[in-house]
PDB file of N, CA and C in Angstrom:
ATOM      1  N   UNK A   1      24.504 -13.263 -12.289  1.00  0.00           N
ATOM      2  CA  UNK A   1      24.586 -11.927 -11.737  1.00  0.00           C
ATOM      3  C   UNK A   1      25.681 -11.921 -10.677  1.00  0.00           C
ATOM      4  N   UNK A   2      26.466 -10.842 -10.659  1.00  0.00           N
ATOM      5  CA  UNK A   2      27.529 -10.733  -9.651  1.00  0.00           C
ATOM      6  C   UNK A   2      26.985 -10.387  -8.275  1.00  0.00           C
ATOM      7  N   UNK A   3      26.143  -9.351  -8.213  1.00  0.00           N
ATOM      8  CA  UNK A   3      25.672  -8.864  -6.915  1.00  0.00           C
ATOM      9  C   UNK A   3      24.169  -8.614  -6.974  1.00  0.00           C
ATOM     10  N   UNK A   4      23.464  -9.192  -6.020  1.00  0.00           N
ATOM     11  CA  UNK A   4      22.044  -8.937  -5.831  1.00  0.00           C
ATOM     12  C   UNK A   4      21.897  -8.125  -4.555  1.00  0.00           C
ATOM     13  N   UNK A   5      21.179  -7.014  -4.644  1.00  0.00           N
ATOM     14  CA  UNK A   5      20.905  -6.184  -3.474  1.00  0.00           C
ATOM     15  C   UNK A   5      19.411  -6.246  -3.196  1.00  0.00           C
ATOM     16  N   UNK A   6      19.071  -6.669  -1.990  1.00  0.00           N
ATOM     17  CA  UNK A   6      17.673  -6.755  -1.570  1.00  0.00           C
ATOM     18  C   UNK A   6      17.397  -5.620  -0.588  1.00  0.00           C
ATOM     19  N   UNK A   7      16.407  -4.813  -0.917  1.00  0.00           N
ATOM     20  CA  UNK A   7      15.986  -3.721  -0.035  1.00  0.00           C
ATOM     21  C   UNK A   7      14.707  -4.127   0.676  1.00  0.00           C
ATOM     22  N   UNK A   8      14.601  -3.771   1.959  1.00  0.00           N
ATOM     23  CA  UNK A   8      13.431  -4.102   2.770  1.00  0.00           C
ATOM     24  C   UNK A   8      12.786  -2.895   3.444  1.00  0.00           C
ATOM     25  N   UNK A   9      13.546  -1.850   3.633  1.00  0.00           N
ATOM     26  CA  UNK A   9      13.103  -0.722   4.465  1.00  0.00           C
ATOM     27  C   UNK A   9      12.360   0.327   3.654  1.00  0.00           C
ATOM     28  N   UNK A  10      11.532   1.125   4.330  1.00  0.00           N
ATOM     29  CA  UNK A  10      10.901   2.240   3.624  1.00  0.00           C
ATOM     30  C   UNK A  10      11.986   3.163   3.066  1.00  0.00           C
ATOM     31  N   UNK A  11      11.764   3.740   1.890  1.00  0.00           N
ATOM     32  CA  UNK A  11      12.788   4.607   1.311  1.00  0.00           C
ATOM     33  C   UNK A  11      13.200   5.754   2.234  1.00  0.00           C
ATOM     34  N   UNK A  12      12.242   6.356   2.868  1.00  0.00           N
ATOM     35  CA  UNK A  12      12.520   7.520   3.713  1.00  0.00           C
ATOM     36  C   UNK A  12      12.109   7.186   5.148  1.00  0.00           C
ATOM     37  N   UNK A  13      13.056   6.651   5.916  1.00  0.00           N
ATOM     38  CA  UNK A  13      12.747   6.186   7.276  1.00  0.00           C
ATOM     39  C   UNK A  13      13.609   6.873   8.338  1.00  0.00           C
ATOM     40  N   UNK A  14      14.034   8.084   8.043  1.00  0.00           N
ATOM     41  CA  UNK A  14      14.879   8.860   8.964  1.00  0.00           C
ATOM     42  C   UNK A  14      16.284   8.274   9.120  1.00  0.00           C
ATOM     43  N   UNK A  15      16.677   7.422   8.167  1.00  0.00           N
ATOM     44  CA  UNK A  15      18.058   6.940   8.111  1.00  0.00           C
ATOM     45  C   UNK A  15      18.533   7.101   6.666  1.00  0.00           C
ATOM     46  N   UNK A  16      19.787   6.830   6.437  1.00  0.00           N
ATOM     47  CA  UNK A  16      20.329   6.850   5.078  1.00  0.00           C
ATOM     48  C   UNK A  16      20.601   5.439   4.558  1.00  0.00           C
ATOM     49  N   UNK A  17      19.966   4.433   5.151  1.00  0.00           N
ATOM     50  CA  UNK A  17      20.227   3.044   4.769  1.00  0.00           C
ATOM     51  C   UNK A  17      19.920   2.816   3.294  1.00  0.00           C
ATOM     52  N   UNK A  18      18.746   3.203   2.855  1.00  0.00           N
ATOM     53  CA  UNK A  18      18.374   2.984   1.454  1.00  0.00           C
ATOM     54  C   UNK A  18      19.252   3.797   0.517  1.00  0.00           C
ATOM     55  N   UNK A  19      19.501   5.032   0.864  1.00  0.00           N
ATOM     56  CA  UNK A  19      20.381   5.884   0.049  1.00  0.00           C
ATOM     57  C   UNK A  19      21.757   5.249  -0.092  1.00  0.00           C
ATOM     58  N   UNK A  20      22.300   4.737   0.997  1.00  0.00           N
ATOM     59  CA  UNK A  20      23.623   4.104   0.937  1.00  0.00           C
ATOM     60  C   UNK A  20      23.605   2.846   0.086  1.00  0.00           C
ATOM     61  N   UNK A  21      22.537   2.079   0.152  1.00  0.00           N
ATOM     62  CA  UNK A  21      22.427   0.896  -0.697  1.00  0.00           C
ATOM     63  C   UNK A  21      22.397   1.249  -2.174  1.00  0.00           C
ATOM     64  N   UNK A  22      21.685   2.310  -2.517  1.00  0.00           N
ATOM     65  CA  UNK A  22      21.638   2.763  -3.909  1.00  0.00           C
ATOM     66  C   UNK A  22      22.990   3.307  -4.350  1.00  0.00           C
ATOM     67  N   UNK A  23      23.659   4.008  -3.464  1.00  0.00           N
ATOM     68  CA  UNK A  23      25.005   4.510  -3.795  1.00  0.00           C
ATOM     69  C   UNK A  23      25.966   3.350  -4.032  1.00  0.00           C
ATOM     70  N   UNK A  24      25.850   2.308  -3.222  1.00  0.00           N
ATOM     71  CA  UNK A  24      26.695   1.132  -3.413  1.00  0.00           C
ATOM     72  C   UNK A  24      26.398   0.474  -4.756  1.00  0.00           C
ATOM     73  N   UNK A  25      25.124   0.339  -5.097  1.00  0.00           N
ATOM     74  CA  UNK A  25      24.764  -0.231  -6.396  1.00  0.00           C
ATOM     75  C   UNK A  25      25.417   0.548  -7.531  1.00  0.00           C
ATOM     76  N   UNK A  26      25.389   1.866  -7.430  1.00  0.00           N
ATOM     77  CA  UNK A  26      26.018   2.725  -8.432  1.00  0.00           C
ATOM     78  C   UNK A  26      27.516   2.443  -8.549  1.00  0.00           C
ATOM     79  N   UNK A  27      28.191   2.359  -7.430  1.00  0.00           N
ATOM     80  CA  UNK A  27      29.646   2.141  -7.440  1.00  0.00           C
ATOM     81  C   UNK A  27      30.001   0.738  -7.925  1.00  0.00           C
ATOM     82  N   UNK A  28      29.193  -0.254  -7.583  1.00  0.00           N
ATOM     83  CA  UNK A  28      29.429  -1.617  -8.085  1.00  0.00           C
ATOM     84  C   UNK A  28      29.254  -1.652  -9.592  1.00  0.00           C
ATOM     85  N   UNK A  29      28.259  -0.948 -10.086  1.00  0.00           N
ATOM     86  CA  UNK A  29      28.029  -0.862 -11.525  1.00  0.00           C
ATOM     87  C   UNK A  29      29.213  -0.184 -12.213  1.00  0.00           C
ATOM     88  N   UNK A  30      29.687   0.915 -11.626  1.00  0.00           N
ATOM     89  CA  UNK A  30      30.864   1.605 -12.176  1.00  0.00           C
ATOM     90  C   UNK A  30      32.096   0.705 -12.199  1.00  0.00           C
ATOM     91  N   UNK A  31      32.181  -0.225 -11.245  1.00  0.00           N
ATOM     92  CA  UNK A  31      33.321  -1.136 -11.168  1.00  0.00           C
ATOM     93  C   UNK A  31      33.182  -2.321 -12.128  1.00  0.00           C
ATOM     94  N   UNK A  32      32.110  -2.326 -12.912  1.00  0.00           N
ATOM     95  CA  UNK A  32      31.938  -3.365 -13.915  1.00  0.00           C
ATOM     96  C   UNK A  32      31.153  -4.581 -13.458  1.00  0.00           C
ATOM     97  N   UNK A  33      30.540  -4.491 -12.290  1.00  0.00           N
ATOM     98  CA  UNK A  33      29.757  -5.608 -11.782  1.00  0.00           C
ATOM     99  C   UNK A  33      28.361  -5.590 -12.398  1.00  0.00           C
ATOM    100  N   UNK A  34      27.777  -6.771 -12.533  1.00  0.00           N
ATOM    101  CA  UNK A  34      26.377  -6.884 -12.919  1.00  0.00           C
ATOM    102  C   UNK A  34      25.560  -6.841 -11.630  1.00  0.00           C
ATOM    103  N   UNK A  35      24.639  -5.895 -11.546  1.00  0.00           N
ATOM    104  CA  UNK A  35      23.890  -5.650 -10.317  1.00  0.00           C
ATOM    105  C   UNK A  35      22.403  -5.864 -10.566  1.00  0.00           C
ATOM    106  N   UNK A  36      21.757  -6.559  -9.641  1.00  0.00           N
ATOM    107  CA  UNK A  36      20.305  -6.694  -9.637  1.00  0.00           C
ATOM    108  C   UNK A  36      19.773  -6.160  -8.323  1.00  0.00           C
ATOM    109  N   UNK A  37      18.587  -5.598  -8.368  1.00  0.00           N
ATOM    110  CA  UNK A  37      17.945  -5.059  -7.167  1.00  0.00           C
ATOM    111  C   UNK A  37      16.563  -5.688  -7.035  1.00  0.00           C
ATOM    112  N   UNK A  38      16.271  -6.169  -5.822  1.00  0.00           N
ATOM    113  CA  UNK A  38      14.938  -6.687  -5.521  1.00  0.00           C
ATOM    114  C   UNK A  38      14.372  -5.883  -4.360  1.00  0.00           C
ATOM    115  N   UNK A  39      13.172  -5.340  -4.556  1.00  0.00           N
ATOM    116  CA  UNK A  39      12.513  -4.541  -3.523  1.00  0.00           C
ATOM    117  C   UNK A  39      11.389  -5.358  -2.909  1.00  0.00           C
ATOM    118  N   UNK A  40      11.371  -5.397  -1.570  1.00  0.00           N
ATOM    119  CA  UNK A  40      10.275  -6.067  -0.881  1.00  0.00           C
ATOM    120  C   UNK A  40       9.917  -5.302   0.384  1.00  0.00           C
ATOM    121  N   UNK A  41       8.884  -5.750   1.059  1.00  0.00           N
ATOM    122  CA  UNK A  41       8.380  -5.045   2.231  1.00  0.00           C
ATOM    123  C   UNK A  41       8.137  -3.574   1.863  1.00  0.00           C
ATOM    124  N   UNK A  42       8.388  -2.664   2.778  1.00  0.00           N
ATOM    125  CA  UNK A  42       8.069  -1.259   2.520  1.00  0.00           C
ATOM    126  C   UNK A  42       8.994  -0.570   1.516  1.00  0.00           C
ATOM    127  N   UNK A  43      10.066  -1.239   1.113  1.00  0.00           N
ATOM    128  CA  UNK A  43      10.948  -0.631   0.106  1.00  0.00           C
ATOM    129  C   UNK A  43      10.273  -0.534  -1.256  1.00  0.00           C
ATOM    130  N   UNK A  44       9.172  -1.252  -1.438  1.00  0.00           N
ATOM    131  CA  UNK A  44       8.495  -1.216  -2.743  1.00  0.00           C
ATOM    132  C   UNK A  44       8.037   0.196  -3.117  1.00  0.00           C
ATOM    133  N   UNK A  45       7.833   1.044  -2.124  1.00  0.00           N
ATOM    134  CA  UNK A  45       7.439   2.422  -2.432  1.00  0.00           C
ATOM    135  C   UNK A  45       8.459   3.127  -3.317  1.00  0.00           C
ATOM    136  N   UNK A  46       9.718   2.733  -3.214  1.00  0.00           N
ATOM    137  CA  UNK A  46      10.767   3.388  -3.994  1.00  0.00           C
ATOM    138  C   UNK A  46      10.509   3.255  -5.498  1.00  0.00           C
ATOM    139  N   UNK A  47       9.765   2.230  -5.922  1.00  0.00           N
ATOM    140  CA  UNK A  47       9.488   1.995  -7.339  1.00  0.00           C
ATOM    141  C   UNK A  47       8.137   2.558  -7.768  1.00  0.00           C
ATOM    142  N   UNK A  48       7.646   3.529  -7.013  1.00  0.00           N
ATOM    143  CA  UNK A  48       6.348   4.133  -7.320  1.00  0.00           C
ATOM    144  C   UNK A  48       6.534   5.629  -7.548  1.00  0.00           C
ATOM    145  N   UNK A  49       5.923   6.126  -8.632  1.00  0.00           N
ATOM    146  CA  UNK A  49       6.026   7.561  -8.918  1.00  0.00           C
ATOM    147  C   UNK A  49       5.432   8.412  -7.805  1.00  0.00           C
ATOM    148  N   UNK A  50       4.523   7.854  -7.028  1.00  0.00           N
ATOM    149  CA  UNK A  50       3.906   8.608  -5.931  1.00  0.00           C
ATOM    150  C   UNK A  50       4.888   8.902  -4.803  1.00  0.00           C
ATOM    151  N   UNK A  51       5.976   8.183  -4.749  1.00  0.00           N
ATOM    152  CA  UNK A  51       6.957   8.338  -3.671  1.00  0.00           C
ATOM    153  C   UNK A  51       7.852   9.544  -3.950  1.00  0.00           C
ATOM    154  N   UNK A  52       7.797  10.504  -3.079  1.00  0.00           N
ATOM    155  CA  UNK A  52       8.595  11.730  -3.210  1.00  0.00           C
ATOM    156  C   UNK A  52       9.409  11.934  -1.943  1.00  0.00           C
ATOM    157  N   UNK A  53      10.559  12.585  -2.045  1.00  0.00           N
ATOM    158  CA  UNK A  53      11.355  12.852  -0.842  1.00  0.00           C
ATOM    159  C   UNK A  53      10.587  13.744   0.128  1.00  0.00           C
ATOM    160  N   UNK A  54      10.695  13.461   1.412  1.00  0.00           N
ATOM    161  CA  UNK A  54      10.058  14.348   2.387  1.00  0.00           C
ATOM    162  C   UNK A  54      10.759  15.705   2.409  1.00  0.00           C
ATOM    163  N   UNK A  55      10.054  16.690   2.900  1.00  0.00           N
ATOM    164  CA  UNK A  55      10.621  18.033   2.991  1.00  0.00           C
ATOM    165  C   UNK A  55      11.927  17.986   3.778  1.00  0.00           C
ATOM    166  N   UNK A  56      12.949  18.607   3.219  1.00  0.00           N
ATOM    167  CA  UNK A  56      14.238  18.679   3.888  1.00  0.00           C
ATOM    168  C   UNK A  56      15.185  17.542   3.557  1.00  0.00           C
ATOM    169  N   UNK A  57      14.713  16.515   2.834  1.00  0.00           N
ATOM    170  CA  UNK A  57      15.605  15.406   2.451  1.00  0.00           C
ATOM    171  C   UNK A  57      16.176  15.727   1.088  1.00  0.00           C
ATOM    172  N   UNK A  58      17.484  15.659   0.957  1.00  0.00           N
ATOM    173  CA  UNK A  58      18.150  16.163  -0.241  1.00  0.00           C
ATOM    174  C   UNK A  58      18.380  15.125  -1.338  1.00  0.00           C
ATOM    175  N   UNK A  59      17.835  13.929  -1.206  1.00  0.00           N
ATOM    176  CA  UNK A  59      18.019  12.897  -2.222  1.00  0.00           C
ATOM    177  C   UNK A  59      16.658  12.374  -2.679  1.00  0.00           C
ATOM    178  N   UNK A  60      16.527  12.161  -3.993  1.00  0.00           N
ATOM    179  CA  UNK A  60      15.316  11.552  -4.544  1.00  0.00           C
ATOM    180  C   UNK A  60      15.649  10.090  -4.834  1.00  0.00           C
ATOM    181  N   UNK A  61      15.272   9.215  -3.929  1.00  0.00           N
ATOM    182  CA  UNK A  61      15.649   7.805  -4.031  1.00  0.00           C
ATOM    183  C   UNK A  61      14.977   7.117  -5.207  1.00  0.00           C
ATOM    184  N   UNK A  62      13.750   7.489  -5.528  1.00  0.00           N
ATOM    185  CA  UNK A  62      13.088   6.911  -6.695  1.00  0.00           C
ATOM    186  C   UNK A  62      13.816   7.300  -7.976  1.00  0.00           C
ATOM    187  N   UNK A  63      14.269   8.535  -8.056  1.00  0.00           N
ATOM    188  CA  UNK A  63      15.030   8.963  -9.231  1.00  0.00           C
ATOM    189  C   UNK A  63      16.361   8.232  -9.305  1.00  0.00           C
ATOM    190  N   UNK A  64      16.996   8.010  -8.171  1.00  0.00           N
ATOM    191  CA  UNK A  64      18.246   7.237  -8.154  1.00  0.00           C
ATOM    192  C   UNK A  64      17.996   5.829  -8.700  1.00  0.00           C
ATOM    193  N   UNK A  65      16.870   5.219  -8.311  1.00  0.00           N
ATOM    194  CA  UNK A  65      16.527   3.886  -8.807  1.00  0.00           C
ATOM    195  C   UNK A  65      16.273   3.929 -10.310  1.00  0.00           C
ATOM    196  N   UNK A  66      15.553   4.939 -10.777  1.00  0.00           N
ATOM    197  CA  UNK A  66      15.314   5.088 -12.217  1.00  0.00           C
ATOM    198  C   UNK A  66      16.630   5.250 -12.972  1.00  0.00           C
ATOM    199  N   UNK A  67      17.567   5.999 -12.404  1.00  0.00           N
ATOM    200  CA  UNK A  67      18.872   6.179 -13.051  1.00  0.00           C
ATOM    201  C   UNK A  67      19.611   4.845 -13.164  1.00  0.00           C
ATOM    202  N   UNK A  68      19.527   4.023 -12.128  1.00  0.00           N
ATOM    203  CA  UNK A  68      20.160   2.698 -12.188  1.00  0.00           C
ATOM    204  C   UNK A  68      19.490   1.833 -13.253  1.00  0.00           C
ATOM    205  N   UNK A  69      18.165   1.892 -13.333  1.00  0.00           N
ATOM    206  CA  UNK A  69      17.439   1.146 -14.364  1.00  0.00           C
ATOM    207  C   UNK A  69      17.893   1.584 -15.748  1.00  0.00           C
ATOM    208  N   UNK A  70      18.098   2.891 -15.937  1.00  0.00           N
ATOM    209  CA  UNK A  70      18.527   3.403 -17.243  1.00  0.00           C
ATOM    210  C   UNK A  70      19.929   2.918 -17.610  1.00  0.00           C
ATOM    211  N   UNK A  71      20.664   2.447 -16.605  1.00  0.00           N
ATOM    212  CA  UNK A  71      22.015   1.910 -16.840  1.00  0.00           C
ATOM    213  C   UNK A  71      21.997   0.376 -16.836  1.00  0.00           C
ATOM    214  N   UNK A  72      20.838  -0.190 -17.110  1.00  0.00           N
ATOM    215  CA  UNK A  72      20.640  -1.629 -17.282  1.00  0.00           C
ATOM    216  C   UNK A  72      20.700  -2.453 -16.003  1.00  0.00           C
ATOM    217  N   UNK A  73      20.482  -1.831 -14.857  1.00  0.00           N
ATOM    218  CA  UNK A  73      20.322  -2.606 -13.632  1.00  0.00           C
ATOM    219  C   UNK A  73      18.911  -3.182 -13.664  1.00  0.00           C
ATOM    220  N   UNK A  74      18.820  -4.490 -13.481  1.00  0.00           N
ATOM    221  CA  UNK A  74      17.505  -5.119 -13.428  1.00  0.00           C
ATOM    222  C   UNK A  74      16.911  -4.897 -12.041  1.00  0.00           C
ATOM    223  N   UNK A  75      15.659  -4.433 -12.024  1.00  0.00           N
ATOM    224  CA  UNK A  75      14.960  -4.180 -10.768  1.00  0.00           C
ATOM    225  C   UNK A  75      13.668  -4.980 -10.773  1.00  0.00           C
ATOM    226  N   UNK A  76      13.530  -5.823  -9.770  1.00  0.00           N
ATOM    227  CA  UNK A  76      12.297  -6.588  -9.577  1.00  0.00           C
ATOM    228  C   UNK A  76      11.682  -6.162  -8.256  1.00  0.00           C
ATOM    229  N   UNK A  77      10.349  -6.163  -8.235  1.00  0.00           N
ATOM    230  CA  UNK A  77       9.622  -5.679  -7.069  1.00  0.00           C
ATOM    231  C   UNK A  77       8.592  -6.734  -6.671  1.00  0.00           C
ATOM    232  N   UNK A  78       8.520  -7.012  -5.396  1.00  0.00           N
ATOM    233  CA  UNK A  78       7.610  -8.019  -4.859  1.00  0.00           C
ATOM    234  C   UNK A  78       6.167  -7.719  -5.263  1.00  0.00           C
ATOM    235  N   UNK A  79       5.559  -8.643  -5.986  1.00  0.00           N
ATOM    236  CA  UNK A  79       4.177  -8.473  -6.395  1.00  0.00           C
ATOM    237  C   UNK A  79       3.206  -8.572  -5.227  1.00  0.00           C
ATOM    238  N   UNK A  80       3.470  -9.491  -4.297  1.00  0.00           N
ATOM    239  CA  UNK A  80       2.592  -9.631  -3.130  1.00  0.00           C
ATOM    240  C   UNK A  80       2.628  -8.379  -2.255  1.00  0.00           C
ATOM    241  N   UNK A  81       3.765  -7.677  -2.273  1.00  0.00           N
ATOM    242  CA  UNK A  81       3.916  -6.470  -1.453  1.00  0.00           C
ATOM    243  C   UNK A  81       3.152  -5.276  -2.030  1.00  0.00           C
ATOM    244  N   UNK A  82       2.753  -5.366  -3.291  1.00  0.00           N
ATOM    245  CA  UNK A  82       2.099  -4.234  -3.943  1.00  0.00           C
ATOM    246  C   UNK A  82       0.889  -3.758  -3.141  1.00  0.00           C
ATOM    247  N   UNK A  83       0.071  -4.690  -2.688  1.00  0.00           N
ATOM    248  CA  UNK A  83      -1.138  -4.321  -1.947  1.00  0.00           C
ATOM    249  C   UNK A  83      -0.938  -4.355  -0.434  1.00  0.00           C
ATOM    250  N   UNK A  84       0.168  -4.916   0.032  1.00  0.00           N
ATOM    251  CA  UNK A  84       0.359  -5.124   1.464  1.00  0.00           C
ATOM    252  C   UNK A  84       1.294  -4.116   2.116  1.00  0.00           C
ATOM    253  N   UNK A  85       2.193  -3.523   1.333  1.00  0.00           N
ATOM    254  CA  UNK A  85       3.299  -2.788   1.944  1.00  0.00           C
ATOM    255  C   UNK A  85       3.418  -1.356   1.425  1.00  0.00           C
ATOM    256  N   UNK A  86       4.046  -0.545   2.240  1.00  0.00           N
ATOM    257  CA  UNK A  86       4.346   0.827   1.870  1.00  0.00           C
ATOM    258  C   UNK A  86       3.205   1.784   2.172  1.00  0.00           C
ATOM    259  N   UNK A  87       3.532   3.043   2.087  1.00  0.00           N
ATOM    260  CA  UNK A  87       2.545   4.110   2.279  1.00  0.00           C
ATOM    261  C   UNK A  87       1.599   4.166   1.083  1.00  0.00           C
ATOM    262  N   UNK A  88       2.121   3.818  -0.093  1.00  0.00           N
ATOM    263  CA  UNK A  88       1.383   3.959  -1.349  1.00  0.00           C
ATOM    264  C   UNK A  88       0.845   2.615  -1.834  1.00  0.00           C
ATOM    265  N   UNK A  89       0.241   1.853  -0.927  1.00  0.00           N
ATOM    266  CA  UNK A  89      -0.329   0.547  -1.270  1.00  0.00           C
ATOM    267  C   UNK A  89      -1.195   0.660  -2.524  1.00  0.00           C
ATOM    268  N   UNK A  90      -1.064  -0.348  -3.377  1.00  0.00           N
ATOM    269  CA  UNK A  90      -1.839  -0.485  -4.614  1.00  0.00           C
ATOM    270  C   UNK A  90      -1.466   0.513  -5.703  1.00  0.00           C
ATOM    271  N   UNK A  91      -0.519   1.418  -5.458  1.00  0.00           N
ATOM    272  CA  UNK A  91      -0.029   2.263  -6.545  1.00  0.00           C
ATOM    273  C   UNK A  91       0.855   1.398  -7.439  1.00  0.00           C
ATOM    274  N   UNK A  92       0.802   1.618  -8.747  1.00  0.00           N
ATOM    275  CA  UNK A  92       1.612   0.802  -9.654  1.00  0.00           C
ATOM    276  C   UNK A  92       3.101   1.107  -9.525  1.00  0.00           C
ATOM    277  N   UNK A  93       3.896   0.166  -9.980  1.00  0.00           N
ATOM    278  CA  UNK A  93       5.341   0.362 -10.052  1.00  0.00           C
ATOM    279  C   UNK A  93       5.671   1.059 -11.372  1.00  0.00           C
ATOM    280  N   UNK A  94       6.702   1.913 -11.354  1.00  0.00           N
ATOM    281  CA  UNK A  94       7.033   2.641 -12.580  1.00  0.00           C
ATOM    282  C   UNK A  94       7.756   1.751 -13.580  1.00  0.00           C
ATOM    283  N   UNK A  95       7.844   2.247 -14.804  1.00  0.00           N
ATOM    284  CA  UNK A  95       8.455   1.508 -15.907  1.00  0.00           C
ATOM    285  C   UNK A  95       9.898   1.126 -15.558  1.00  0.00           C
ATOM    286  N   UNK A  96      10.221  -0.121 -15.848  1.00  0.00           N
ATOM    287  CA  UNK A  96      11.563  -0.616 -15.576  1.00  0.00           C
ATOM    288  C   UNK A  96      11.673  -1.357 -14.263  1.00  0.00           C
ATOM    289  N   UNK A  97      10.684  -1.205 -13.400  1.00  0.00           N
ATOM    290  CA  UNK A  97      10.626  -1.949 -12.146  1.00  0.00           C
ATOM    291  C   UNK A  97       9.604  -3.066 -12.356  1.00  0.00           C
ATOM    292  N   UNK A  98      10.095  -4.266 -12.532  1.00  0.00           N
ATOM    293  CA  UNK A  98       9.261  -5.401 -12.913  1.00  0.00           C
ATOM    294  C   UNK A  98       8.585  -6.028 -11.698  1.00  0.00           C
ATOM    295  N   UNK A  99       7.278  -6.137 -11.751  1.00  0.00           N
ATOM    296  CA  UNK A  99       6.535  -6.854 -10.709  1.00  0.00           C
ATOM    297  C   UNK A  99       7.007  -8.301 -10.728  1.00  0.00           C
ATOM    298  N   UNK A 100       7.328  -8.848  -9.554  1.00  0.00           N
ATOM    299  CA  UNK A 100       7.967 -10.148  -9.513  1.00  0.00           C
ATOM    300  C   UNK A 100       7.399 -11.016  -8.386  1.00  0.00           C
ATOM    301  N   UNK A 101       8.094 -12.127  -8.123  1.00  0.00           N
ATOM    302  CA  UNK A 101       7.597 -13.143  -7.194  1.00  0.00           C
ATOM    303  C   UNK A 101       8.717 -13.665  -6.293  1.00  0.00           C
ATOM    304  N   UNK A 102       8.343 -14.360  -5.257  1.00  0.00           N
ATOM    305  CA  UNK A 102       9.309 -14.997  -4.373  1.00  0.00           C
ATOM    306  C   UNK A 102      10.112 -16.083  -5.111  1.00  0.00           C
ATOM    307  N   UNK A 103       9.502 -16.909  -5.971  1.00  0.00           N
ATOM    308  CA  UNK A 103      10.317 -17.868  -6.732  1.00  0.00           C
ATOM    309  C   UNK A 103      11.374 -17.182  -7.606  1.00  0.00           C
ATOM    310  N   UNK A 104      11.045 -16.022  -8.179  1.00  0.00           N
ATOM    311  CA  UNK A 104      12.024 -15.281  -8.987  1.00  0.00           C
ATOM    312  C   UNK A 104      13.163 -14.777  -8.109  1.00  0.00           C
ATOM    313  N   UNK A 105      12.832 -14.308  -6.906  1.00  0.00           N
ATOM    314  CA  UNK A 105      13.883 -13.879  -5.977  1.00  0.00           C
ATOM    315  C   UNK A 105      14.764 -15.055  -5.602  1.00  0.00           C
ATOM    316  N   UNK A 106      14.167 -16.197  -5.317  1.00  0.00           N
ATOM    317  CA  UNK A 106      14.949 -17.394  -4.966  1.00  0.00           C
ATOM    318  C   UNK A 106      15.914 -17.750  -6.098  1.00  0.00           C
ATOM    319  N   UNK A 107      15.456 -17.665  -7.330  1.00  0.00           N
ATOM    320  CA  UNK A 107      16.315 -17.959  -8.483  1.00  0.00           C
ATOM    321  C   UNK A 107      17.476 -16.976  -8.552  1.00  0.00           C
ATOM    322  N   UNK A 108      17.178 -15.687  -8.335  1.00  0.00           N
ATOM    323  CA  UNK A 108      18.238 -14.676  -8.346  1.00  0.00           C
ATOM    324  C   UNK A 108      19.258 -14.938  -7.249  1.00  0.00           C
ATOM    325  N   UNK A 109      18.801 -15.298  -6.058  1.00  0.00           N
ATOM    326  CA  UNK A 109      19.721 -15.587  -4.955  1.00  0.00           C
ATOM    327  C   UNK A 109      20.646 -16.741  -5.340  1.00  0.00           C
ATOM    328  N   UNK A 110      20.089 -17.784  -5.904  1.00  0.00           N
ATOM    329  CA  UNK A 110      20.878 -18.957  -6.304  1.00  0.00           C
ATOM    330  C   UNK A 110      21.913 -18.583  -7.360  1.00  0.00           C
ATOM    331  N   UNK A 111      21.531 -17.736  -8.293  1.00  0.00           N
ATOM    332  CA  UNK A 111      22.404 -17.380  -9.418  1.00  0.00           C
ATOM    333  C   UNK A 111      23.428 -16.296  -9.091  1.00  0.00           C
ATOM    334  N   UNK A 112      23.286 -15.611  -7.973  1.00  0.00           N
ATOM    335  CA  UNK A 112      24.150 -14.472  -7.655  1.00  0.00           C
ATOM    336  C   UNK A 112      25.408 -14.919  -6.916  1.00  0.00           C
ATOM    337  N   UNK A 113      26.509 -14.210  -7.188  1.00  0.00           N
ATOM    338  CA  UNK A 113      27.756 -14.468  -6.469  1.00  0.00           C
ATOM    339  C   UNK A 113      27.687 -13.918  -5.057  1.00  0.00           C
ATOM    340  N   UNK A 114      27.063 -12.764  -4.896  1.00  0.00           N
ATOM    341  CA  UNK A 114      26.943 -12.121  -3.592  1.00  0.00           C
ATOM    342  C   UNK A 114      25.519 -11.588  -3.448  1.00  0.00           C
ATOM    343  N   UNK A 115      25.001 -11.675  -2.213  1.00  0.00           N
ATOM    344  CA  UNK A 115      23.681 -11.135  -1.906  1.00  0.00           C
ATOM    345  C   UNK A 115      23.823 -10.216  -0.709  1.00  0.00           C
ATOM    346  N   UNK A 116      23.388  -8.966  -0.882  1.00  0.00           N
ATOM    347  CA  UNK A 116      23.454  -7.957   0.180  1.00  0.00           C
ATOM    348  C   UNK A 116      22.038  -7.522   0.512  1.00  0.00           C
ATOM    349  N   UNK A 117      21.797  -7.206   1.761  1.00  0.00           N
ATOM    350  CA  UNK A 117      20.471  -6.705   2.163  1.00  0.00           C
ATOM    351  C   UNK A 117      20.596  -5.357   2.835  1.00  0.00           C
ATOM    352  N   UNK A 118      19.620  -4.514   2.552  1.00  0.00           N
ATOM    353  CA  UNK A 118      19.525  -3.189   3.157  1.00  0.00           C
ATOM    354  C   UNK A 118      18.114  -3.000   3.667  1.00  0.00           C
TER     355      UNK A 118
END
């Protein structure tokens, strides 16, 4: 994999950090890079259908993630975080967001040319 992007923050945290990370993933993909995304901590909410943009926020980050998945971006989501993290604890991850593990993340880090965190 060329670029691995690890997200840690809640999708909607009064900043545009997550939105900018997703926009970067899109542009890297357009540039021909192979992109992987790993969600951990409170960012796991982004891979849940229950996660909706707050009133007044003009971007649907979960839909942006689904769009990246539809363009063959591999998305893995921390399995341990499923019950521990996010507003929507214990809600399932949507199709295309693979429940994963720390050993899988370690393997991705080793195999990636670049690792970015948001």
